[in-house]
Amino acid sequence: MRHMVLLSATALVGSISAIALAQTTPTEPTPPAPVTETTTETLAEPTANGKGATVLRTRETTTTTTTDAEGNETTTTDAVKNIQTVSTPSGNVNRVIKTTDANGNVTTSVEHERAERPSRPEKAEVAERPDRPDRPDRPDRPERPDRPDRPDRPERPDRPGLGG
């Protein structure tokens, strides 16, 4: 029985050193880190119906390329960002950003940049108007003579109730 305990203890000590040696031996080289790349392309730059504004449409695509342990490259599209920028002749800039992520979720945001306008000059003070002279009082109207009372209208036979 003693020999078995001693043998198992020796085997256990020998396996610990083998485990430590296995941990220190270099393994296969680690794959390179993923590479993220953003590509921007200009889609169109038309004018806005001849009104003087310029419209710029761009698409930004973000892709990640990863290499696994076997050396295979995998490219995934992380997000697509469509940007429409409208610049008006007055200097205002409006930007609509539509982002589609890898799961297909769409997020839209709108940004407005207002141009700096020169401040209005202060209004000049208006000079006071001179006082107008008082109007003369109107003369009193002469009283009208009293009218004699009108006679009552006789009852009309063809329309009862419309008489005087």
N, C-alpha and C. Protein backbone atom coordinates (compact mmCIF):
# COMPACT_ATOMS: atom_id res chain seq x y z
N MET A 1 0.81 -1.17 0.00
CA MET A 1 0.00 0.00 0.00
C MET A 1 0.87 1.25 0.00
N ARG A 2 1.95 1.19 0.75
CA ARG A 2 2.85 2.32 0.81
C ARG A 2 3.47 2.61 -0.53
N HIS A 3 3.79 1.55 -1.26
CA HIS A 3 4.42 1.74 -2.57
C HIS A 3 3.46 2.41 -3.54
N MET A 4 2.19 2.10 -3.42
CA MET A 4 1.21 2.71 -4.32
C MET A 4 1.05 4.20 -4.04
N VAL A 5 1.05 4.56 -2.78
CA VAL A 5 0.92 5.97 -2.43
C VAL A 5 2.15 6.72 -2.90
N LEU A 6 3.32 6.12 -2.73
CA LEU A 6 4.55 6.75 -3.16
C LEU A 6 4.62 6.86 -4.67
N LEU A 7 4.17 5.86 -5.37
CA LEU A 7 4.15 5.87 -6.82
C LEU A 7 3.18 6.92 -7.35
N SER A 8 2.03 7.00 -6.72
CA SER A 8 1.05 7.99 -7.20
C SER A 8 1.53 9.40 -6.90
N ALA A 9 2.23 9.60 -5.79
CA ALA A 9 2.77 10.92 -5.49
C ALA A 9 3.86 11.28 -6.48
N THR A 10 4.69 10.33 -6.87
CA THR A 10 5.74 10.59 -7.84
C THR A 10 5.13 10.91 -9.20
N ALA A 11 4.14 10.17 -9.57
CA ALA A 11 3.47 10.42 -10.85
C ALA A 11 2.81 11.80 -10.86
N LEU A 12 2.26 12.19 -9.73
CA LEU A 12 1.61 13.49 -9.62
C LEU A 12 2.64 14.61 -9.75
N VAL A 13 3.79 14.48 -9.11
CA VAL A 13 4.83 15.51 -9.18
C VAL A 13 5.38 15.58 -10.60
N GLY A 14 5.51 14.49 -11.28
CA GLY A 14 6.01 14.46 -12.66
C GLY A 14 5.02 15.11 -13.62
N SER A 15 3.74 14.94 -13.38
CA SER A 15 2.75 15.55 -14.28
C SER A 15 2.67 17.06 -14.08
N ILE A 16 2.94 17.54 -12.88
CA ILE A 16 2.91 18.99 -12.63
C ILE A 16 4.01 19.66 -13.43
N SER A 17 5.19 19.07 -13.45
CA SER A 17 6.28 19.67 -14.22
C SER A 17 5.99 19.60 -15.71
N ALA A 18 5.31 18.56 -16.16
CA ALA A 18 4.95 18.45 -17.58
C ALA A 18 3.93 19.52 -17.94
N ILE A 19 3.00 19.80 -17.04
CA ILE A 19 1.99 20.85 -17.29
C ILE A 19 2.67 22.21 -17.34
N ALA A 20 3.62 22.45 -16.43
CA ALA A 20 4.33 23.72 -16.42
C ALA A 20 5.14 23.88 -17.69
N LEU A 21 5.78 22.79 -18.17
CA LEU A 21 6.57 22.83 -19.38
C LEU A 21 5.68 23.08 -20.59
N ALA A 22 4.47 22.51 -20.60
CA ALA A 22 3.55 22.69 -21.72
C ALA A 22 3.05 24.13 -21.78
N GLN A 23 2.93 24.75 -20.63
CA GLN A 23 2.44 26.13 -20.63
C GLN A 23 3.51 27.09 -21.13
N THR A 24 4.76 26.79 -20.96
CA THR A 24 5.80 27.71 -21.37
C THR A 24 6.22 27.50 -22.81
N THR A 25 5.90 26.37 -23.42
CA THR A 25 6.30 26.15 -24.81
C THR A 25 5.45 27.02 -25.71
N PRO A 26 6.05 27.65 -26.70
CA PRO A 26 5.28 28.53 -27.59
C PRO A 26 4.32 27.70 -28.44
N THR A 27 3.14 28.27 -28.62
CA THR A 27 2.13 27.61 -29.45
C THR A 27 2.14 28.30 -30.80
N GLU A 28 1.10 28.09 -31.56
CA GLU A 28 1.02 28.70 -32.89
C GLU A 28 0.99 30.22 -32.75
N PRO A 29 1.46 30.95 -33.74
CA PRO A 29 1.45 32.42 -33.64
C PRO A 29 0.00 32.93 -33.58
N THR A 30 -0.20 34.01 -32.81
CA THR A 30 -1.55 34.56 -32.67
C THR A 30 -1.95 35.25 -33.98
N PRO A 31 -3.22 35.15 -34.33
CA PRO A 31 -3.66 35.78 -35.57
C PRO A 31 -3.57 37.31 -35.44
N PRO A 32 -3.38 38.00 -36.53
CA PRO A 32 -3.29 39.45 -36.45
C PRO A 32 -4.62 40.07 -35.97
N ALA A 33 -4.51 41.27 -35.43
CA ALA A 33 -5.69 41.96 -34.93
C ALA A 33 -6.61 42.33 -36.10
N PRO A 34 -7.92 42.44 -35.83
CA PRO A 34 -8.83 42.81 -36.91
C PRO A 34 -8.51 44.20 -37.45
N VAL A 35 -8.70 44.38 -38.74
CA VAL A 35 -8.44 45.66 -39.39
C VAL A 35 -9.77 46.29 -39.77
N THR A 36 -10.02 47.51 -39.28
CA THR A 36 -11.26 48.21 -39.61
C THR A 36 -10.92 49.29 -40.64
N GLU A 37 -11.72 49.34 -41.69
CA GLU A 37 -11.47 50.27 -42.78
C GLU A 37 -12.76 51.02 -43.11
N THR A 38 -12.65 52.33 -43.31
CA THR A 38 -13.80 53.15 -43.68
C THR A 38 -13.57 53.67 -45.09
N THR A 39 -14.55 53.43 -45.96
CA THR A 39 -14.47 53.87 -47.34
C THR A 39 -15.54 54.93 -47.58
N THR A 40 -15.16 56.06 -48.19
CA THR A 40 -16.11 57.12 -48.50
C THR A 40 -16.18 57.28 -50.01
N GLU A 41 -17.42 57.29 -50.52
CA GLU A 41 -17.61 57.52 -51.96
C GLU A 41 -18.66 58.60 -52.15
N THR A 42 -18.42 59.47 -53.12
CA THR A 42 -19.36 60.54 -53.44
C THR A 42 -20.32 60.02 -54.49
N LEU A 43 -21.61 60.10 -54.18
CA LEU A 43 -22.62 59.54 -55.09
C LEU A 43 -23.03 60.54 -56.15
N ALA A 44 -23.36 61.77 -55.77
CA ALA A 44 -23.82 62.77 -56.74
C ALA A 44 -23.70 64.15 -56.12
N GLU A 45 -23.59 65.15 -56.99
CA GLU A 45 -23.57 66.53 -56.51
C GLU A 45 -24.40 67.40 -57.44
N PRO A 46 -25.73 67.21 -57.44
CA PRO A 46 -26.58 68.06 -58.29
C PRO A 46 -26.96 69.33 -57.55
N THR A 47 -27.55 70.26 -58.29
CA THR A 47 -28.09 71.45 -57.65
C THR A 47 -29.54 71.16 -57.30
N ALA A 48 -30.07 71.90 -56.35
CA ALA A 48 -31.43 71.67 -55.88
C ALA A 48 -32.41 72.45 -56.74
N ASN A 49 -32.82 71.88 -57.84
CA ASN A 49 -33.83 72.45 -58.74
C ASN A 49 -33.49 73.86 -59.20
N GLY A 50 -32.23 74.17 -59.35
CA GLY A 50 -31.84 75.47 -59.87
C GLY A 50 -32.05 76.61 -58.89
N LYS A 51 -32.27 76.32 -57.62
CA LYS A 51 -32.52 77.37 -56.64
C LYS A 51 -31.22 77.88 -56.02
N GLY A 52 -30.09 77.36 -56.43
CA GLY A 52 -28.82 77.84 -55.93
C GLY A 52 -28.21 76.99 -54.83
N ALA A 53 -28.95 76.09 -54.24
CA ALA A 53 -28.40 75.23 -53.19
C ALA A 53 -27.63 74.08 -53.83
N THR A 54 -26.62 73.60 -53.13
CA THR A 54 -25.88 72.45 -53.62
C THR A 54 -26.16 71.27 -52.70
N VAL A 55 -26.29 70.11 -53.31
CA VAL A 55 -26.59 68.89 -52.58
C VAL A 55 -25.43 67.94 -52.79
N LEU A 56 -24.89 67.42 -51.70
CA LEU A 56 -23.78 66.48 -51.78
C LEU A 56 -24.20 65.19 -51.10
N ARG A 57 -24.15 64.09 -51.83
CA ARG A 57 -24.53 62.79 -51.26
C ARG A 57 -23.29 61.91 -51.21
N THR A 58 -23.00 61.37 -50.01
CA THR A 58 -21.86 60.49 -49.83
C THR A 58 -22.30 59.24 -49.10
N ARG A 59 -21.51 58.18 -49.25
CA ARG A 59 -21.77 56.93 -48.54
C ARG A 59 -20.46 56.49 -47.90
N GLU A 60 -20.51 56.27 -46.59
CA GLU A 60 -19.36 55.77 -45.85
C GLU A 60 -19.65 54.33 -45.44
N THR A 61 -18.77 53.42 -45.83
CA THR A 61 -18.94 52.01 -45.50
C THR A 61 -17.80 51.61 -44.57
N THR A 62 -18.13 51.05 -43.41
CA THR A 62 -17.13 50.60 -42.45
C THR A 62 -17.09 49.08 -42.49
N THR A 63 -15.92 48.52 -42.83
CA THR A 63 -15.76 47.07 -42.90
C THR A 63 -14.63 46.64 -41.97
N THR A 64 -14.77 45.42 -41.43
CA THR A 64 -13.74 44.85 -40.57
C THR A 64 -13.26 43.55 -41.18
N THR A 65 -11.94 43.45 -41.34
CA THR A 65 -11.34 42.24 -41.90
C THR A 65 -10.60 41.53 -40.77
N THR A 66 -10.97 40.27 -40.51
CA THR A 66 -10.32 39.48 -39.47
C THR A 66 -9.71 38.24 -40.10
N THR A 67 -8.62 37.77 -39.49
CA THR A 67 -7.94 36.56 -39.95
C THR A 67 -7.98 35.56 -38.80
N ASP A 68 -8.51 34.35 -39.07
CA ASP A 68 -8.58 33.35 -38.01
C ASP A 68 -7.25 32.61 -37.90
N ALA A 69 -7.17 31.62 -36.99
CA ALA A 69 -5.94 30.89 -36.72
C ALA A 69 -5.44 30.11 -37.93
N GLU A 70 -6.35 29.75 -38.81
CA GLU A 70 -5.96 28.98 -39.99
C GLU A 70 -5.50 29.87 -41.14
N GLY A 71 -5.61 31.19 -40.98
CA GLY A 71 -5.16 32.10 -42.03
C GLY A 71 -6.27 32.53 -42.98
N ASN A 72 -7.53 32.18 -42.69
CA ASN A 72 -8.65 32.58 -43.55
C ASN A 72 -9.08 33.99 -43.18
N GLU A 73 -9.28 34.83 -44.19
CA GLU A 73 -9.74 36.19 -43.96
C GLU A 73 -11.25 36.26 -44.08
N THR A 74 -11.86 36.98 -43.15
CA THR A 74 -13.31 37.18 -43.17
C THR A 74 -13.55 38.69 -43.14
N THR A 75 -14.35 39.18 -44.09
CA THR A 75 -14.67 40.60 -44.15
C THR A 75 -16.15 40.78 -43.83
N THR A 76 -16.45 41.65 -42.87
CA THR A 76 -17.83 41.94 -42.51
C THR A 76 -18.07 43.45 -42.61
N THR A 77 -19.27 43.79 -43.05
CA THR A 77 -19.66 45.20 -43.13
C THR A 77 -20.31 45.57 -41.81
N ASP A 78 -19.67 46.50 -41.09
CA ASP A 78 -20.18 46.89 -39.78
C ASP A 78 -21.30 47.92 -39.88
N ALA A 79 -21.14 48.90 -40.77
CA ALA A 79 -22.15 49.95 -40.87
C ALA A 79 -22.03 50.63 -42.23
N VAL A 80 -23.18 51.12 -42.69
CA VAL A 80 -23.23 51.93 -43.91
C VAL A 80 -23.88 53.24 -43.51
N LYS A 81 -23.20 54.35 -43.81
CA LYS A 81 -23.70 55.67 -43.43
C LYS A 81 -23.91 56.48 -44.71
N ASN A 82 -25.20 56.79 -45.01
CA ASN A 82 -25.53 57.65 -46.15
C ASN A 82 -25.71 59.07 -45.62
N ILE A 83 -24.98 60.01 -46.21
CA ILE A 83 -25.02 61.40 -45.74
C ILE A 83 -25.44 62.28 -46.90
N GLN A 84 -26.47 63.11 -46.67
CA GLN A 84 -26.89 64.10 -47.66
C GLN A 84 -26.70 65.47 -47.03
N THR A 85 -25.87 66.29 -47.67
CA THR A 85 -25.57 67.62 -47.16
C THR A 85 -26.11 68.65 -48.14
N VAL A 86 -26.94 69.57 -47.64
CA VAL A 86 -27.51 70.62 -48.48
C VAL A 86 -26.97 71.95 -47.97
N SER A 87 -26.30 72.70 -48.86
CA SER A 87 -25.78 74.03 -48.53
C SER A 87 -26.59 75.05 -49.30
N THR A 88 -27.22 75.98 -48.59
CA THR A 88 -28.06 76.99 -49.23
C THR A 88 -27.23 78.23 -49.54
N PRO A 89 -27.71 79.08 -50.46
CA PRO A 89 -26.97 80.30 -50.78
C PRO A 89 -26.82 81.23 -49.58
N SER A 90 -27.73 81.16 -48.62
CA SER A 90 -27.64 82.04 -47.45
C SER A 90 -26.61 81.55 -46.44
N GLY A 91 -26.02 80.39 -46.67
CA GLY A 91 -24.98 79.88 -45.78
C GLY A 91 -25.44 78.82 -44.82
N ASN A 92 -26.72 78.48 -44.81
CA ASN A 92 -27.22 77.42 -43.92
C ASN A 92 -26.79 76.07 -44.48
N VAL A 93 -26.49 75.14 -43.58
CA VAL A 93 -26.10 73.79 -43.98
C VAL A 93 -27.00 72.81 -43.22
N ASN A 94 -27.68 71.94 -43.97
CA ASN A 94 -28.53 70.91 -43.38
C ASN A 94 -27.94 69.56 -43.76
N ARG A 95 -27.84 68.66 -42.78
CA ARG A 95 -27.22 67.36 -43.03
C ARG A 95 -28.15 66.27 -42.51
N VAL A 96 -28.48 65.30 -43.37
CA VAL A 96 -29.29 64.15 -42.99
C VAL A 96 -28.38 62.93 -43.05
N ILE A 97 -28.27 62.23 -41.91
CA ILE A 97 -27.38 61.08 -41.80
C ILE A 97 -28.22 59.85 -41.50
N LYS A 98 -28.15 58.87 -42.41
CA LYS A 98 -28.90 57.62 -42.25
C LYS A 98 -27.88 56.50 -42.09
N THR A 99 -27.86 55.87 -40.91
CA THR A 99 -26.88 54.84 -40.61
C THR A 99 -27.58 53.49 -40.49
N THR A 100 -27.05 52.50 -41.21
CA THR A 100 -27.55 51.13 -41.13
C THR A 100 -26.44 50.28 -40.54
N ASP A 101 -26.70 49.65 -39.36
CA ASP A 101 -25.65 48.85 -38.74
C ASP A 101 -25.65 47.42 -39.28
N ALA A 102 -24.78 46.58 -38.73
CA ALA A 102 -24.61 45.22 -39.23
C ALA A 102 -25.87 44.38 -39.06
N ASN A 103 -26.72 44.72 -38.09
CA ASN A 103 -27.95 43.97 -37.85
C ASN A 103 -29.10 44.46 -38.71
N GLY A 104 -28.90 45.53 -39.47
CA GLY A 104 -29.96 46.07 -40.31
C GLY A 104 -30.78 47.16 -39.63
N ASN A 105 -30.39 47.57 -38.43
CA ASN A 105 -31.09 48.64 -37.73
C ASN A 105 -30.73 49.98 -38.37
N VAL A 106 -31.75 50.80 -38.63
CA VAL A 106 -31.54 52.08 -39.31
C VAL A 106 -31.74 53.21 -38.30
N THR A 107 -30.78 54.12 -38.27
CA THR A 107 -30.85 55.30 -37.42
C THR A 107 -30.69 56.53 -38.30
N THR A 108 -31.62 57.48 -38.16
CA THR A 108 -31.56 58.71 -38.95
C THR A 108 -31.41 59.89 -38.02
N SER A 109 -30.48 60.78 -38.35
CA SER A 109 -30.30 62.00 -37.57
C SER A 109 -30.20 63.19 -38.51
N VAL A 110 -30.62 64.35 -38.02
CA VAL A 110 -30.62 65.57 -38.82
C VAL A 110 -29.84 66.63 -38.07
N GLU A 111 -28.94 67.31 -38.77
CA GLU A 111 -28.15 68.38 -38.18
C GLU A 111 -28.41 69.66 -38.96
N HIS A 112 -28.55 70.76 -38.24
CA HIS A 112 -28.77 72.07 -38.87
C HIS A 112 -27.67 73.01 -38.40
N GLU A 113 -27.03 73.68 -39.35
CA GLU A 113 -26.05 74.70 -39.02
C GLU A 113 -26.54 76.01 -39.63
N ARG A 114 -26.78 76.97 -38.79
CA ARG A 114 -27.27 78.27 -39.27
C ARG A 114 -26.08 79.19 -39.50
N ALA A 115 -26.16 79.96 -40.57
CA ALA A 115 -25.11 80.90 -40.89
C ALA A 115 -25.18 82.09 -39.95
N GLU A 116 -24.04 82.69 -39.70
CA GLU A 116 -23.99 83.89 -38.86
C GLU A 116 -24.59 85.04 -39.65
N ARG A 117 -25.52 85.70 -39.07
CA ARG A 117 -26.16 86.85 -39.71
C ARG A 117 -25.63 88.12 -39.05
N PRO A 118 -25.38 89.15 -39.85
CA PRO A 118 -24.97 90.40 -39.21
C PRO A 118 -26.12 90.95 -38.38
N SER A 119 -25.78 91.51 -37.25
CA SER A 119 -26.84 92.02 -36.38
C SER A 119 -27.44 93.27 -36.99
N ARG A 120 -28.69 93.47 -36.71
CA ARG A 120 -29.40 94.64 -37.24
C ARG A 120 -28.88 95.88 -36.55
N PRO A 121 -28.75 96.95 -37.30
CA PRO A 121 -28.34 98.19 -36.63
C PRO A 121 -29.49 98.70 -35.77
N GLU A 122 -29.11 99.40 -34.74
CA GLU A 122 -30.12 99.95 -33.85
C GLU A 122 -30.94 100.98 -34.60
N LYS A 123 -32.23 101.01 -34.34
CA LYS A 123 -33.09 102.00 -34.98
C LYS A 123 -32.79 103.37 -34.40
N ALA A 124 -32.77 104.36 -35.28
CA ALA A 124 -32.56 105.72 -34.82
C ALA A 124 -33.78 106.17 -34.04
N GLU A 125 -33.54 106.96 -33.05
CA GLU A 125 -34.67 107.42 -32.26
C GLU A 125 -35.51 108.38 -33.09
N VAL A 126 -36.80 108.24 -32.98
CA VAL A 126 -37.72 109.08 -33.74
C VAL A 126 -37.90 110.38 -32.98
N ALA A 127 -37.78 111.48 -33.71
CA ALA A 127 -37.93 112.79 -33.07
C ALA A 127 -39.38 112.97 -32.64
N GLU A 128 -39.56 113.66 -31.54
CA GLU A 128 -40.91 113.87 -31.06
C GLU A 128 -41.66 114.81 -31.99
N ARG A 129 -42.90 114.49 -32.19
CA ARG A 129 -43.73 115.35 -33.03
C ARG A 129 -44.17 116.56 -32.22
N PRO A 130 -44.27 117.69 -32.89
CA PRO A 130 -44.76 118.85 -32.13
C PRO A 130 -46.23 118.66 -31.81
N ASP A 131 -46.63 119.22 -30.71
CA ASP A 131 -48.04 119.10 -30.30
C ASP A 131 -48.93 119.81 -31.31
N ARG A 132 -50.02 119.18 -31.61
CA ARG A 132 -50.99 119.79 -32.52
C ARG A 132 -51.83 120.80 -31.75
N PRO A 133 -52.22 121.84 -32.43
CA PRO A 133 -53.11 122.77 -31.72
C PRO A 133 -54.45 122.10 -31.47
N ASP A 134 -55.09 122.49 -30.42
CA ASP A 134 -56.39 121.89 -30.09
C ASP A 134 -57.40 122.25 -31.17
N ARG A 135 -58.27 121.32 -31.41
CA ARG A 135 -59.34 121.56 -32.39
C ARG A 135 -60.36 122.52 -31.80
N PRO A 136 -60.88 123.34 -32.64
CA PRO A 136 -61.95 124.19 -32.11
C PRO A 136 -63.19 123.34 -31.85
N ASP A 137 -63.97 123.73 -30.88
CA ASP A 137 -65.18 122.98 -30.56
C ASP A 137 -66.18 123.14 -31.70
N ARG A 138 -66.91 122.07 -31.92
CA ARG A 138 -67.94 122.11 -32.96
C ARG A 138 -69.12 122.96 -32.48
N PRO A 139 -69.69 123.65 -33.40
CA PRO A 139 -70.90 124.38 -32.98
C PRO A 139 -72.03 123.40 -32.75
N ASP A 140 -72.89 123.70 -31.83
CA ASP A 140 -74.02 122.82 -31.54
C ASP A 140 -74.98 122.83 -32.72
N ARG A 141 -75.57 121.70 -32.96
CA ARG A 141 -76.56 121.60 -34.04
C ARG A 141 -77.86 122.26 -33.61
N PRO A 142 -78.49 122.84 -34.57
CA PRO A 142 -79.82 123.38 -34.20
C PRO A 142 -80.78 122.22 -34.00
N GLU A 143 -81.69 122.40 -33.10
CA GLU A 143 -82.65 121.33 -32.83
C GLU A 143 -83.64 121.23 -33.97
N ARG A 144 -84.02 120.00 -34.22
CA ARG A 144 -85.02 119.77 -35.28
C ARG A 144 -86.40 120.07 -34.72
N PRO A 145 -87.24 120.55 -35.60
CA PRO A 145 -88.61 120.74 -35.12
C PRO A 145 -89.27 119.41 -34.89
N ASP A 146 -90.15 119.34 -33.94
CA ASP A 146 -90.87 118.09 -33.65
C ASP A 146 -91.77 117.75 -34.81
N ARG A 147 -91.80 116.49 -35.13
CA ARG A 147 -92.69 116.02 -36.19
C ARG A 147 -94.05 115.71 -35.58
N PRO A 148 -95.06 115.91 -36.37
CA PRO A 148 -96.36 115.50 -35.85
C PRO A 148 -96.44 113.97 -35.85
N ASP A 149 -97.20 113.41 -34.94
CA ASP A 149 -97.34 111.95 -34.87
C ASP A 149 -97.98 111.44 -36.14
N ARG A 150 -97.54 110.33 -36.57
CA ARG A 150 -98.11 109.71 -37.77
C ARG A 150 -99.42 109.04 -37.41
N PRO A 151 -100.34 109.07 -38.34
CA PRO A 151 -101.59 108.34 -38.06
C PRO A 151 -101.35 106.85 -38.17
N ASP A 152 -102.09 106.06 -37.43
CA ASP A 152 -101.97 104.60 -37.50
C ASP A 152 -102.39 104.12 -38.87
N ARG A 153 -101.72 103.10 -39.31
CA ARG A 153 -102.08 102.53 -40.61
C ARG A 153 -103.32 101.66 -40.44
N PRO A 154 -104.20 101.72 -41.39
CA PRO A 154 -105.38 100.86 -41.27
C PRO A 154 -105.00 99.40 -41.48
N GLU A 155 -105.78 98.52 -40.95
CA GLU A 155 -105.58 97.08 -41.09
C GLU A 155 -105.76 96.70 -42.56
N ARG A 156 -104.88 95.85 -43.06
CA ARG A 156 -105.00 95.41 -44.45
C ARG A 156 -105.80 94.13 -44.48
N PRO A 157 -106.86 94.10 -45.27
CA PRO A 157 -107.69 92.88 -45.29
C PRO A 157 -106.97 91.68 -45.93
N ASP A 158 -106.11 91.90 -46.90
CA ASP A 158 -105.44 90.76 -47.55
C ASP A 158 -104.29 90.22 -46.71
N ARG A 159 -103.79 91.01 -45.75
CA ARG A 159 -102.73 90.52 -44.85
C ARG A 159 -103.07 90.95 -43.42
N PRO A 160 -103.75 90.11 -42.72
CA PRO A 160 -104.11 90.50 -41.35
C PRO A 160 -102.88 90.53 -40.45
N GLY A 161 -102.82 91.42 -39.56
CA GLY A 161 -101.72 91.55 -38.60
C GLY A 161 -100.64 92.49 -39.07
N LEU A 162 -100.69 92.96 -40.33
CA LEU A 162 -99.64 93.87 -40.79
C LEU A 162 -100.07 95.31 -40.73
N GLY A 163 -101.16 95.56 -40.17
CA GLY A 163 -101.59 96.95 -40.06
C GLY A 163 -100.83 97.64 -38.96
N GLY A 164 -101.14 98.88 -38.79
CA GLY A 164 -100.45 99.76 -37.91
C GLY A 164 -100.44 99.40 -36.50
